[in-house]
Amino acid sequence: MKNNLLMPAALFALVFLFSACYSGPGVSRIDPSAMIDLSGRWNDNDVRQVSNSLIADCLSSPRVLQFIQQYSAQNNGRRPAILVGTFRNNSSEHIDTSIIARNMEAAILRSGVMDFVAGGDVRTELRSERQDQLSFASDATAVSLGNETGAILLLTGTVSSIVDRAGNITVRAYFVSAELTNIETGARLWIGENNEIKKEIRQSNFRP
């Protein structure tokens, strides 16, 4: 009888002990614009800084502004269209360069001075949809072929890095460039570069 009474008490004690020892993940919300650099590697703050710098440089370029004015004057006020090309990652770490390209595309589009046309996978999907509509949609609602807006400018870019190490100190320097090229002539209309991101990372000498 005594053992029967002790069993529930022992089980309760074990449950309480495990509950007290369990430590779940701690989650807290932070300001998205807060400057946080945990590892010294490429992060969201670097993306924001680089994108803002390149966008401002592109939209204030005298050659870009002159091209926009001339193109609009020659094409009944139509804005020049841009196609986003490849943003290559030539650095020593994984960097999603599409974020930089997307930030630049969104900012330039919001400026209202240029238009963007779909490229890559999106363009392939659009063309596939148009072909499907010719077979399955009614004549009254099916879109027509051959009406795509042709791009006159191509936006491309590159992310490179230099890593220097000595002892427990590492210095990472990032170089991000972007180019705007006239598709018809191949002439470079604008080249921008941001080389302002340089980080020193000191590793602890302590080894447990």
N, C-alpha and C. Protein backbone atom coordinates (compact mmCIF):
# COMPACT_ATOMS: atom_id res chain seq x y z
N MET A 1 0.84 -1.21 0.00
CA MET A 1 0.00 0.00 0.00
C MET A 1 0.87 1.26 0.00
N LYS A 2 1.92 1.16 0.82
CA LYS A 2 2.82 2.31 0.92
C LYS A 2 3.51 2.58 -0.41
N ASN A 3 3.90 1.49 -1.11
CA ASN A 3 4.55 1.65 -2.41
C ASN A 3 3.61 2.27 -3.44
N ASN A 4 2.31 1.89 -3.36
CA ASN A 4 1.33 2.44 -4.29
C ASN A 4 1.17 3.94 -4.12
N LEU A 5 1.33 4.42 -2.89
CA LEU A 5 1.22 5.85 -2.62
C LEU A 5 2.47 6.60 -3.10
N LEU A 6 3.60 5.91 -3.02
CA LEU A 6 4.86 6.57 -3.40
C LEU A 6 5.01 6.73 -4.91
N MET A 7 4.41 5.84 -5.70
CA MET A 7 4.56 5.86 -7.15
C MET A 7 4.06 7.16 -7.79
N PRO A 8 2.83 7.62 -7.50
CA PRO A 8 2.38 8.90 -8.10
C PRO A 8 3.25 10.07 -7.68
N ALA A 9 3.68 10.06 -6.44
CA ALA A 9 4.54 11.15 -5.96
C ALA A 9 5.86 11.17 -6.70
N ALA A 10 6.42 9.97 -6.95
CA ALA A 10 7.70 9.89 -7.67
C ALA A 10 7.55 10.35 -9.11
N LEU A 11 6.45 9.96 -9.77
CA LEU A 11 6.21 10.38 -11.14
C LEU A 11 6.03 11.89 -11.24
N PHE A 12 5.31 12.46 -10.28
CA PHE A 12 5.12 13.92 -10.26
C PHE A 12 6.45 14.63 -10.10
N ALA A 13 7.30 14.08 -9.23
CA ALA A 13 8.61 14.68 -9.01
C ALA A 13 9.46 14.64 -10.27
N LEU A 14 9.41 13.53 -11.02
CA LEU A 14 10.17 13.42 -12.26
C LEU A 14 9.68 14.40 -13.31
N VAL A 15 8.34 14.51 -13.42
CA VAL A 15 7.78 15.46 -14.39
C VAL A 15 8.19 16.88 -14.04
N PHE A 16 8.13 17.23 -12.77
CA PHE A 16 8.52 18.57 -12.33
C PHE A 16 10.00 18.83 -12.61
N LEU A 17 10.83 17.79 -12.38
CA LEU A 17 12.27 17.94 -12.59
C LEU A 17 12.59 18.17 -14.06
N PHE A 18 11.97 17.38 -14.96
CA PHE A 18 12.21 17.55 -16.39
C PHE A 18 11.69 18.90 -16.88
N SER A 19 10.56 19.34 -16.33
CA SER A 19 10.01 20.63 -16.74
C SER A 19 10.93 21.77 -16.33
N ALA A 20 11.52 21.64 -15.17
CA ALA A 20 12.41 22.69 -14.67
C ALA A 20 13.71 22.73 -15.47
N CYS A 21 14.17 21.54 -15.93
CA CYS A 21 15.44 21.47 -16.65
C CYS A 21 15.30 21.88 -18.11
N TYR A 22 14.08 21.74 -18.70
CA TYR A 22 13.91 22.02 -20.12
C TYR A 22 14.02 23.52 -20.39
N SER A 23 14.82 23.83 -21.38
CA SER A 23 14.98 25.23 -21.78
C SER A 23 14.74 25.33 -23.27
N GLY A 24 13.60 25.87 -23.65
CA GLY A 24 13.26 26.02 -25.05
C GLY A 24 14.00 27.19 -25.67
N PRO A 25 13.87 27.36 -27.00
CA PRO A 25 14.54 28.48 -27.66
C PRO A 25 13.98 29.82 -27.20
N GLY A 26 14.87 30.78 -26.97
CA GLY A 26 14.43 32.12 -26.60
C GLY A 26 14.26 32.97 -27.85
N VAL A 27 13.11 33.54 -28.03
CA VAL A 27 12.82 34.34 -29.22
C VAL A 27 12.40 35.74 -28.79
N SER A 28 12.99 36.73 -29.42
CA SER A 28 12.59 38.12 -29.15
C SER A 28 12.62 38.88 -30.46
N ARG A 29 11.68 39.79 -30.63
CA ARG A 29 11.60 40.59 -31.85
C ARG A 29 12.50 41.81 -31.72
N ILE A 30 13.17 42.14 -32.84
CA ILE A 30 14.07 43.29 -32.83
C ILE A 30 13.72 44.21 -33.99
N ASP A 31 14.22 45.43 -33.93
CA ASP A 31 13.99 46.42 -34.98
C ASP A 31 14.70 45.95 -36.25
N PRO A 32 13.97 45.82 -37.39
CA PRO A 32 14.61 45.36 -38.62
C PRO A 32 15.78 46.23 -39.07
N SER A 33 15.78 47.50 -38.65
CA SER A 33 16.86 48.40 -39.06
C SER A 33 18.02 48.41 -38.07
N ALA A 34 17.93 47.62 -37.00
CA ALA A 34 18.98 47.59 -35.99
C ALA A 34 20.27 47.04 -36.59
N MET A 35 21.40 47.64 -36.22
CA MET A 35 22.70 47.22 -36.72
C MET A 35 23.21 46.07 -35.86
N ILE A 36 23.07 44.84 -36.35
CA ILE A 36 23.51 43.66 -35.62
C ILE A 36 24.48 42.88 -36.50
N ASP A 37 25.66 42.61 -35.98
CA ASP A 37 26.68 41.90 -36.74
C ASP A 37 27.26 40.81 -35.83
N LEU A 38 26.77 39.59 -35.98
CA LEU A 38 27.17 38.51 -35.07
C LEU A 38 28.44 37.79 -35.51
N SER A 39 28.55 37.49 -36.79
CA SER A 39 29.67 36.67 -37.27
C SER A 39 30.72 37.45 -38.05
N GLY A 40 30.38 38.66 -38.47
CA GLY A 40 31.30 39.41 -39.31
C GLY A 40 31.14 39.11 -40.79
N ARG A 41 30.22 38.19 -41.12
CA ARG A 41 29.97 37.87 -42.51
C ARG A 41 28.89 38.79 -43.10
N TRP A 42 28.65 38.64 -44.39
CA TRP A 42 27.66 39.45 -45.10
C TRP A 42 26.29 39.27 -44.46
N ASN A 43 25.58 40.38 -44.21
CA ASN A 43 24.27 40.30 -43.56
C ASN A 43 23.30 41.32 -44.14
N ASP A 44 22.11 41.42 -43.52
CA ASP A 44 21.06 42.29 -44.06
C ASP A 44 21.44 43.76 -44.02
N ASN A 45 22.24 44.17 -43.02
CA ASN A 45 22.67 45.57 -42.96
C ASN A 45 23.57 45.91 -44.15
N ASP A 46 24.42 44.96 -44.54
CA ASP A 46 25.30 45.18 -45.68
C ASP A 46 24.48 45.30 -46.98
N VAL A 47 23.46 44.45 -47.13
CA VAL A 47 22.59 44.52 -48.30
C VAL A 47 21.93 45.90 -48.39
N ARG A 48 21.42 46.36 -47.25
CA ARG A 48 20.72 47.65 -47.22
C ARG A 48 21.67 48.79 -47.58
N GLN A 49 22.86 48.77 -46.99
CA GLN A 49 23.82 49.84 -47.23
C GLN A 49 24.27 49.87 -48.69
N VAL A 50 24.59 48.71 -49.23
CA VAL A 50 25.06 48.62 -50.61
C VAL A 50 23.95 49.02 -51.59
N SER A 51 22.77 48.48 -51.39
CA SER A 51 21.66 48.78 -52.30
C SER A 51 21.34 50.27 -52.33
N ASN A 52 21.25 50.88 -51.16
CA ASN A 52 20.94 52.31 -51.09
C ASN A 52 22.00 53.15 -51.79
N SER A 53 23.26 52.76 -51.60
CA SER A 53 24.36 53.50 -52.21
C SER A 53 24.33 53.40 -53.74
N LEU A 54 24.15 52.19 -54.26
CA LEU A 54 24.15 51.99 -55.71
C LEU A 54 22.92 52.62 -56.36
N ILE A 55 21.78 52.54 -55.70
CA ILE A 55 20.56 53.13 -56.24
C ILE A 55 20.70 54.65 -56.35
N ALA A 56 21.19 55.27 -55.29
CA ALA A 56 21.36 56.72 -55.30
C ALA A 56 22.34 57.15 -56.39
N ASP A 57 23.41 56.37 -56.55
CA ASP A 57 24.42 56.70 -57.55
C ASP A 57 23.84 56.57 -58.96
N CYS A 58 23.07 55.51 -59.19
CA CYS A 58 22.49 55.28 -60.52
C CYS A 58 21.49 56.37 -60.89
N LEU A 59 20.57 56.67 -59.97
CA LEU A 59 19.51 57.63 -60.27
C LEU A 59 20.01 59.07 -60.36
N SER A 60 21.19 59.33 -59.83
CA SER A 60 21.73 60.69 -59.91
C SER A 60 22.80 60.83 -61.00
N SER A 61 23.07 59.77 -61.73
CA SER A 61 24.09 59.81 -62.77
C SER A 61 23.67 60.73 -63.92
N PRO A 62 24.49 61.70 -64.28
CA PRO A 62 24.13 62.61 -65.38
C PRO A 62 23.91 61.86 -66.70
N ARG A 63 24.70 60.82 -66.96
CA ARG A 63 24.56 60.08 -68.21
C ARG A 63 23.24 59.30 -68.24
N VAL A 64 22.84 58.75 -67.09
CA VAL A 64 21.57 58.03 -67.02
C VAL A 64 20.41 58.99 -67.23
N LEU A 65 20.45 60.11 -66.56
CA LEU A 65 19.38 61.10 -66.70
C LEU A 65 19.29 61.62 -68.13
N GLN A 66 20.44 61.85 -68.75
CA GLN A 66 20.45 62.32 -70.14
C GLN A 66 19.87 61.27 -71.08
N PHE A 67 20.22 60.00 -70.85
CA PHE A 67 19.70 58.92 -71.69
C PHE A 67 18.18 58.82 -71.56
N ILE A 68 17.67 58.93 -70.33
CA ILE A 68 16.22 58.85 -70.10
C ILE A 68 15.50 59.95 -70.86
N GLN A 69 16.04 61.18 -70.79
CA GLN A 69 15.41 62.31 -71.47
C GLN A 69 15.41 62.11 -72.98
N GLN A 70 16.55 61.69 -73.52
CA GLN A 70 16.65 61.50 -74.97
C GLN A 70 15.75 60.36 -75.44
N TYR A 71 15.72 59.27 -74.68
CA TYR A 71 14.90 58.13 -75.07
C TYR A 71 13.41 58.50 -75.06
N SER A 72 12.98 59.20 -74.02
CA SER A 72 11.57 59.61 -73.92
C SER A 72 11.20 60.57 -75.05
N ALA A 73 12.11 61.48 -75.38
CA ALA A 73 11.84 62.44 -76.45
C ALA A 73 11.71 61.75 -77.80
N GLN A 74 12.47 60.68 -78.01
CA GLN A 74 12.46 59.98 -79.29
C GLN A 74 11.38 58.91 -79.37
N ASN A 75 10.72 58.59 -78.25
CA ASN A 75 9.74 57.51 -78.23
C ASN A 75 8.40 57.95 -77.61
N ASN A 76 7.99 59.16 -77.95
CA ASN A 76 6.67 59.68 -77.55
C ASN A 76 6.45 59.64 -76.04
N GLY A 77 7.50 59.97 -75.28
CA GLY A 77 7.38 60.06 -73.84
C GLY A 77 7.48 58.74 -73.10
N ARG A 78 7.72 57.65 -73.82
CA ARG A 78 7.82 56.33 -73.17
C ARG A 78 9.10 56.23 -72.35
N ARG A 79 9.00 55.59 -71.22
CA ARG A 79 10.17 55.40 -70.36
C ARG A 79 11.01 54.23 -70.86
N PRO A 80 12.33 54.30 -70.72
CA PRO A 80 13.17 53.16 -71.12
C PRO A 80 12.93 51.97 -70.19
N ALA A 81 12.98 50.77 -70.76
CA ALA A 81 12.74 49.54 -69.98
C ALA A 81 14.07 48.85 -69.69
N ILE A 82 14.17 48.31 -68.48
CA ILE A 82 15.39 47.64 -68.03
C ILE A 82 15.10 46.16 -67.79
N LEU A 83 16.07 45.34 -68.12
CA LEU A 83 16.02 43.92 -67.82
C LEU A 83 17.10 43.62 -66.79
N VAL A 84 16.75 42.91 -65.71
CA VAL A 84 17.72 42.53 -64.70
C VAL A 84 18.45 41.27 -65.15
N GLY A 85 19.75 41.37 -65.30
CA GLY A 85 20.55 40.23 -65.70
C GLY A 85 21.15 39.52 -64.49
N THR A 86 22.34 39.01 -64.65
CA THR A 86 22.99 38.21 -63.62
C THR A 86 23.75 39.10 -62.63
N PHE A 87 23.52 38.85 -61.33
CA PHE A 87 24.34 39.44 -60.28
C PHE A 87 25.20 38.30 -59.72
N ARG A 88 26.47 38.27 -60.10
CA ARG A 88 27.34 37.16 -59.74
C ARG A 88 27.92 37.33 -58.33
N ASN A 89 28.10 36.21 -57.67
CA ASN A 89 28.76 36.18 -56.37
C ASN A 89 30.16 35.60 -56.55
N ASN A 90 31.15 36.46 -56.53
CA ASN A 90 32.55 36.03 -56.66
C ASN A 90 33.27 36.03 -55.32
N SER A 91 32.51 36.16 -54.23
CA SER A 91 33.13 36.20 -52.91
C SER A 91 33.40 34.79 -52.41
N SER A 92 34.00 34.69 -51.23
CA SER A 92 34.36 33.40 -50.64
C SER A 92 33.26 32.83 -49.76
N GLU A 93 32.10 33.48 -49.70
CA GLU A 93 31.01 33.01 -48.86
C GLU A 93 29.70 33.03 -49.63
N HIS A 94 28.69 32.37 -49.06
CA HIS A 94 27.38 32.34 -49.72
C HIS A 94 26.69 33.69 -49.56
N ILE A 95 26.36 34.32 -50.68
CA ILE A 95 25.65 35.60 -50.68
C ILE A 95 24.53 35.51 -51.70
N ASP A 96 23.31 35.79 -51.26
CA ASP A 96 22.16 35.80 -52.16
C ASP A 96 22.12 37.15 -52.87
N THR A 97 22.74 37.21 -54.04
CA THR A 97 22.84 38.48 -54.77
C THR A 97 21.50 38.93 -55.34
N SER A 98 20.52 38.02 -55.41
CA SER A 98 19.22 38.41 -55.95
C SER A 98 18.55 39.47 -55.08
N ILE A 99 18.91 39.50 -53.79
CA ILE A 99 18.32 40.52 -52.89
C ILE A 99 18.79 41.91 -53.30
N ILE A 100 20.06 42.03 -53.65
CA ILE A 100 20.59 43.33 -54.10
C ILE A 100 19.89 43.76 -55.38
N ALA A 101 19.79 42.82 -56.33
CA ALA A 101 19.14 43.13 -57.61
C ALA A 101 17.69 43.52 -57.40
N ARG A 102 16.98 42.80 -56.51
CA ARG A 102 15.57 43.09 -56.27
C ARG A 102 15.39 44.45 -55.60
N ASN A 103 16.26 44.79 -54.66
CA ASN A 103 16.18 46.10 -54.00
C ASN A 103 16.39 47.23 -55.01
N MET A 104 17.37 47.06 -55.89
CA MET A 104 17.63 48.08 -56.90
C MET A 104 16.46 48.20 -57.87
N GLU A 105 15.92 47.06 -58.29
CA GLU A 105 14.79 47.07 -59.21
C GLU A 105 13.59 47.79 -58.61
N ALA A 106 13.28 47.47 -57.35
CA ALA A 106 12.12 48.08 -56.70
C ALA A 106 12.29 49.59 -56.54
N ALA A 107 13.49 50.03 -56.15
CA ALA A 107 13.72 51.46 -55.93
C ALA A 107 13.68 52.25 -57.24
N ILE A 108 14.29 51.70 -58.29
CA ILE A 108 14.27 52.39 -59.58
C ILE A 108 12.85 52.44 -60.14
N LEU A 109 12.11 51.36 -59.95
CA LEU A 109 10.72 51.34 -60.42
C LEU A 109 9.88 52.37 -59.67
N ARG A 110 10.10 52.47 -58.36
CA ARG A 110 9.36 53.47 -57.56
C ARG A 110 9.70 54.90 -57.97
N SER A 111 10.91 55.10 -58.48
CA SER A 111 11.32 56.45 -58.87
C SER A 111 10.49 56.98 -60.04
N GLY A 112 9.93 56.06 -60.84
CA GLY A 112 9.07 56.47 -61.94
C GLY A 112 9.81 56.92 -63.19
N VAL A 113 11.14 56.80 -63.22
CA VAL A 113 11.88 57.29 -64.38
C VAL A 113 12.19 56.19 -65.39
N MET A 114 12.10 54.91 -64.96
CA MET A 114 12.36 53.78 -65.85
C MET A 114 11.41 52.65 -65.52
N ASP A 115 11.21 51.74 -66.48
CA ASP A 115 10.38 50.56 -66.28
C ASP A 115 11.26 49.31 -66.31
N PHE A 116 10.77 48.25 -65.68
CA PHE A 116 11.47 46.97 -65.71
C PHE A 116 10.61 45.96 -66.43
N VAL A 117 11.24 45.08 -67.18
CA VAL A 117 10.54 43.97 -67.83
C VAL A 117 11.02 42.67 -67.21
N ALA A 118 10.14 41.67 -67.22
CA ALA A 118 10.46 40.39 -66.60
C ALA A 118 11.52 39.65 -67.40
N GLY A 119 12.37 38.96 -66.67
CA GLY A 119 13.40 38.14 -67.31
C GLY A 119 13.52 36.80 -66.59
N GLY A 120 14.40 35.96 -67.07
CA GLY A 120 14.67 34.69 -66.40
C GLY A 120 13.46 33.78 -66.33
N ASP A 121 13.26 33.18 -65.14
CA ASP A 121 12.17 32.22 -64.95
C ASP A 121 10.80 32.86 -65.10
N VAL A 122 10.68 34.13 -64.66
CA VAL A 122 9.38 34.81 -64.77
C VAL A 122 8.99 34.98 -66.23
N ARG A 123 9.94 35.37 -67.06
CA ARG A 123 9.65 35.55 -68.48
C ARG A 123 9.25 34.22 -69.12
N THR A 124 9.94 33.14 -68.72
CA THR A 124 9.61 31.82 -69.25
C THR A 124 8.18 31.42 -68.87
N GLU A 125 7.78 31.70 -67.63
CA GLU A 125 6.41 31.39 -67.19
C GLU A 125 5.38 32.21 -67.97
N LEU A 126 5.69 33.49 -68.19
CA LEU A 126 4.76 34.35 -68.92
C LEU A 126 4.56 33.85 -70.35
N ARG A 127 5.65 33.46 -70.99
CA ARG A 127 5.55 32.98 -72.37
C ARG A 127 4.80 31.66 -72.43
N SER A 128 5.01 30.81 -71.44
CA SER A 128 4.28 29.54 -71.39
C SER A 128 2.79 29.78 -71.19
N GLU A 129 2.46 30.76 -70.34
CA GLU A 129 1.05 31.08 -70.10
C GLU A 129 0.39 31.62 -71.37
N ARG A 130 1.10 32.45 -72.11
CA ARG A 130 0.53 32.99 -73.35
C ARG A 130 0.25 31.87 -74.36
N GLN A 131 1.18 30.92 -74.44
CA GLN A 131 0.97 29.79 -75.34
C GLN A 131 -0.23 28.96 -74.91
N ASP A 132 -0.38 28.75 -73.60
CA ASP A 132 -1.52 27.98 -73.09
C ASP A 132 -2.84 28.68 -73.41
N GLN A 133 -2.84 30.01 -73.28
CA GLN A 133 -4.08 30.74 -73.54
C GLN A 133 -4.51 30.62 -74.99
N LEU A 134 -3.55 30.52 -75.91
CA LEU A 134 -3.91 30.37 -77.32
C LEU A 134 -4.66 29.06 -77.56
N SER A 135 -4.36 28.05 -76.72
CA SER A 135 -5.00 26.75 -76.89
C SER A 135 -6.27 26.59 -76.08
N PHE A 136 -6.32 27.23 -74.91
CA PHE A 136 -7.41 26.93 -73.98
C PHE A 136 -8.30 28.12 -73.62
N ALA A 137 -7.84 29.33 -73.80
CA ALA A 137 -8.67 30.50 -73.44
C ALA A 137 -9.52 30.93 -74.64
N SER A 138 -10.60 31.62 -74.35
CA SER A 138 -11.47 32.11 -75.42
C SER A 138 -10.78 33.21 -76.20
N ASP A 139 -11.21 33.41 -77.43
CA ASP A 139 -10.61 34.45 -78.27
C ASP A 139 -10.78 35.84 -77.66
N ALA A 140 -11.87 36.00 -76.90
CA ALA A 140 -12.16 37.31 -76.32
C ALA A 140 -11.23 37.65 -75.16
N THR A 141 -10.70 36.63 -74.50
CA THR A 141 -9.88 36.89 -73.31
C THR A 141 -8.41 36.52 -73.48
N ALA A 142 -8.06 35.75 -74.49
CA ALA A 142 -6.67 35.33 -74.68
C ALA A 142 -5.79 36.51 -75.06
N VAL A 143 -4.62 36.57 -74.46
CA VAL A 143 -3.68 37.65 -74.79
C VAL A 143 -3.00 37.33 -76.11
N SER A 144 -2.42 38.34 -76.72
CA SER A 144 -1.78 38.18 -78.02
C SER A 144 -0.29 37.94 -77.86
N LEU A 145 0.29 37.26 -78.83
CA LEU A 145 1.74 37.07 -78.86
C LEU A 145 2.41 38.26 -79.55
N GLY A 146 3.68 38.40 -79.29
CA GLY A 146 4.44 39.44 -79.98
C GLY A 146 4.25 40.83 -79.46
N ASN A 147 3.71 40.97 -78.25
CA ASN A 147 3.49 42.31 -77.68
C ASN A 147 4.34 42.59 -76.45
N GLU A 148 5.39 41.81 -76.25
CA GLU A 148 6.27 42.07 -75.12
C GLU A 148 6.97 43.41 -75.27
N THR A 149 7.22 44.06 -74.14
CA THR A 149 8.00 45.30 -74.15
C THR A 149 9.48 44.94 -74.19
N GLY A 150 10.16 45.39 -75.21
CA GLY A 150 11.59 45.09 -75.32
C GLY A 150 12.41 46.00 -74.42
N ALA A 151 13.37 45.40 -73.73
CA ALA A 151 14.25 46.17 -72.85
C ALA A 151 15.36 46.83 -73.67
N ILE A 152 15.71 48.03 -73.29
CA ILE A 152 16.81 48.74 -73.94
C ILE A 152 18.06 48.74 -73.07
N LEU A 153 17.86 48.48 -71.75
CA LEU A 153 18.98 48.49 -70.81
C LEU A 153 19.05 47.19 -70.03
N LEU A 154 20.26 46.77 -69.70
CA LEU A 154 20.50 45.55 -68.91
C LEU A 154 21.25 45.91 -67.64
N LEU A 155 20.68 45.49 -66.49
CA LEU A 155 21.31 45.75 -65.19
C LEU A 155 21.99 44.47 -64.70
N THR A 156 23.28 44.52 -64.46
CA THR A 156 24.05 43.39 -63.96
C THR A 156 24.92 43.84 -62.80
N GLY A 157 25.52 42.87 -62.11
CA GLY A 157 26.36 43.24 -60.97
C GLY A 157 27.24 42.10 -60.49
N THR A 158 28.12 42.42 -59.57
CA THR A 158 29.08 41.45 -59.02
C THR A 158 29.37 41.78 -57.57
N VAL A 159 29.49 40.72 -56.75
CA VAL A 159 29.93 40.87 -55.36
C VAL A 159 31.23 40.11 -55.20
N SER A 160 32.27 40.81 -54.76
CA SER A 160 33.58 40.19 -54.53
C SER A 160 34.03 40.51 -53.11
N SER A 161 34.97 39.73 -52.62
CA SER A 161 35.47 39.97 -51.26
C SER A 161 36.94 39.62 -51.17
N ILE A 162 37.61 40.26 -50.23
CA ILE A 162 39.00 39.95 -49.91
C ILE A 162 39.06 39.64 -48.42
N VAL A 163 39.63 38.49 -48.08
CA VAL A 163 39.75 38.08 -46.68
C VAL A 163 41.23 38.02 -46.31
N ASP A 164 41.60 38.74 -45.26
CA ASP A 164 42.99 38.79 -44.79
C ASP A 164 43.02 38.30 -43.35
N ARG A 165 43.91 37.34 -43.05
CA ARG A 165 43.98 36.78 -41.70
C ARG A 165 45.41 36.86 -41.16
N ALA A 166 45.49 37.13 -39.86
CA ALA A 166 46.76 37.10 -39.14
C ALA A 166 46.46 36.73 -37.69
N GLY A 167 46.89 35.53 -37.28
CA GLY A 167 46.60 35.09 -35.92
C GLY A 167 45.11 34.92 -35.71
N ASN A 168 44.59 35.58 -34.68
CA ASN A 168 43.16 35.48 -34.37
C ASN A 168 42.35 36.65 -34.93
N ILE A 169 42.95 37.41 -35.85
CA ILE A 169 42.27 38.57 -36.45
C ILE A 169 42.01 38.31 -37.92
N THR A 170 40.76 38.56 -38.33
CA THR A 170 40.36 38.43 -39.73
C THR A 170 39.74 39.74 -40.20
N VAL A 171 40.13 40.18 -41.38
CA VAL A 171 39.55 41.39 -41.97
C VAL A 171 38.86 40.99 -43.28
N ARG A 172 37.57 41.31 -43.38
CA ARG A 172 36.79 41.04 -44.57
C ARG A 172 36.42 42.37 -45.26
N ALA A 173 36.75 42.47 -46.52
CA ALA A 173 36.41 43.66 -47.31
C ALA A 173 35.55 43.22 -48.49
N TYR A 174 34.45 43.94 -48.71
CA TYR A 174 33.50 43.59 -49.78
C TYR A 174 33.50 44.68 -50.85
N PHE A 175 33.42 44.23 -52.09
CA PHE A 175 33.37 45.13 -53.24
C PHE A 175 32.16 44.74 -54.09
N VAL A 176 31.19 45.64 -54.16
CA VAL A 176 29.95 45.36 -54.89
C VAL A 176 29.84 46.37 -56.03
N SER A 177 29.68 45.85 -57.24
CA SER A 177 29.56 46.72 -58.40
C SER A 177 28.27 46.41 -59.15
N ALA A 178 27.78 47.39 -59.87
CA ALA A 178 26.59 47.22 -60.72
C ALA A 178 26.81 48.02 -62.00
N GLU A 179 26.27 47.50 -63.10
CA GLU A 179 26.45 48.15 -64.40
C GLU A 179 25.12 48.23 -65.14
N LEU A 180 24.94 49.32 -65.85
CA LEU A 180 23.77 49.52 -66.70
C LEU A 180 24.27 49.63 -68.14
N THR A 181 23.87 48.67 -68.98
CA THR A 181 24.41 48.57 -70.34
C THR A 181 23.30 48.72 -71.37
N ASN A 182 23.60 49.47 -72.42
CA ASN A 182 22.66 49.62 -73.54
C ASN A 182 22.67 48.32 -74.35
N ILE A 183 21.54 47.62 -74.39
CA ILE A 183 21.47 46.33 -75.06
C ILE A 183 21.70 46.47 -76.56
N GLU A 184 21.22 47.54 -77.14
CA GLU A 184 21.32 47.72 -78.60
C GLU A 184 22.75 48.01 -79.03
N THR A 185 23.44 48.86 -78.27
CA THR A 185 24.78 49.28 -78.69
C THR A 185 25.90 48.60 -77.91
N GLY A 186 25.57 48.03 -76.74
CA GLY A 186 26.61 47.43 -75.90
C GLY A 186 27.39 48.44 -75.09
N ALA A 187 27.03 49.70 -75.18
CA ALA A 187 27.75 50.75 -74.45
C ALA A 187 27.34 50.75 -72.97
N ARG A 188 28.33 50.91 -72.10
CA ARG A 188 28.05 51.01 -70.67
C ARG A 188 27.55 52.42 -70.36
N LEU A 189 26.35 52.46 -69.81
CA LEU A 189 25.74 53.75 -69.50
C LEU A 189 26.12 54.22 -68.10
N TRP A 190 26.29 53.25 -67.19
CA TRP A 190 26.61 53.59 -65.80
C TRP A 190 27.32 52.41 -65.14
N ILE A 191 28.32 52.73 -64.33
CA ILE A 191 29.01 51.74 -63.51
C ILE A 191 29.12 52.31 -62.10
N GLY A 192 28.60 51.57 -61.13
CA GLY A 192 28.67 52.00 -59.73
C GLY A 192 29.36 50.95 -58.89
N GLU A 193 30.06 51.41 -57.86
CA GLU A 193 30.75 50.46 -56.99
C GLU A 193 30.65 50.92 -55.53
N ASN A 194 30.45 49.97 -54.65
CA ASN A 194 30.46 50.24 -53.21
C ASN A 194 31.56 49.40 -52.58
N ASN A 195 32.54 50.05 -51.99
CA ASN A 195 33.64 49.34 -51.31
C ASN A 195 33.78 49.82 -49.87
N GLU A 196 32.64 50.22 -49.28
CA GLU A 196 32.67 50.82 -47.95
C GLU A 196 32.55 49.81 -46.82
N ILE A 197 32.29 48.54 -47.14
CA ILE A 197 32.07 47.54 -46.08
C ILE A 197 33.37 46.81 -45.81
N LYS A 198 33.92 47.03 -44.64
CA LYS A 198 35.17 46.39 -44.22
C LYS A 198 35.05 46.06 -42.74
N LYS A 199 35.27 44.80 -42.39
CA LYS A 199 35.03 44.35 -41.02
C LYS A 199 36.27 43.67 -40.44
N GLU A 200 36.53 43.97 -39.18
CA GLU A 200 37.60 43.29 -38.45
C GLU A 200 36.96 42.36 -37.43
N ILE A 201 37.29 41.08 -37.50
CA ILE A 201 36.74 40.08 -36.59
C ILE A 201 37.87 39.52 -35.73
N ARG A 202 37.73 39.65 -34.44
CA ARG A 202 38.73 39.13 -33.49
C ARG A 202 38.18 37.89 -32.81
N GLN A 203 38.87 36.78 -32.98
CA GLN A 203 38.49 35.52 -32.35
C GLN A 203 39.14 35.40 -30.96
N SER A 204 38.41 34.85 -30.03
CA SER A 204 38.95 34.68 -28.69
C SER A 204 40.04 33.61 -28.70
N ASN A 205 41.07 33.82 -27.89
CA ASN A 205 42.13 32.83 -27.75
C ASN A 205 41.77 31.71 -26.80
N PHE A 206 40.63 31.88 -26.11
CA PHE A 206 40.21 30.88 -25.11
C PHE A 206 39.79 29.60 -25.78
N ARG A 207 40.29 28.49 -25.32
CA ARG A 207 39.90 27.17 -25.81
C ARG A 207 39.51 26.30 -24.63
N PRO A 208 38.22 25.99 -24.48
CA PRO A 208 37.77 25.21 -23.32
C PRO A 208 38.32 23.79 -23.34
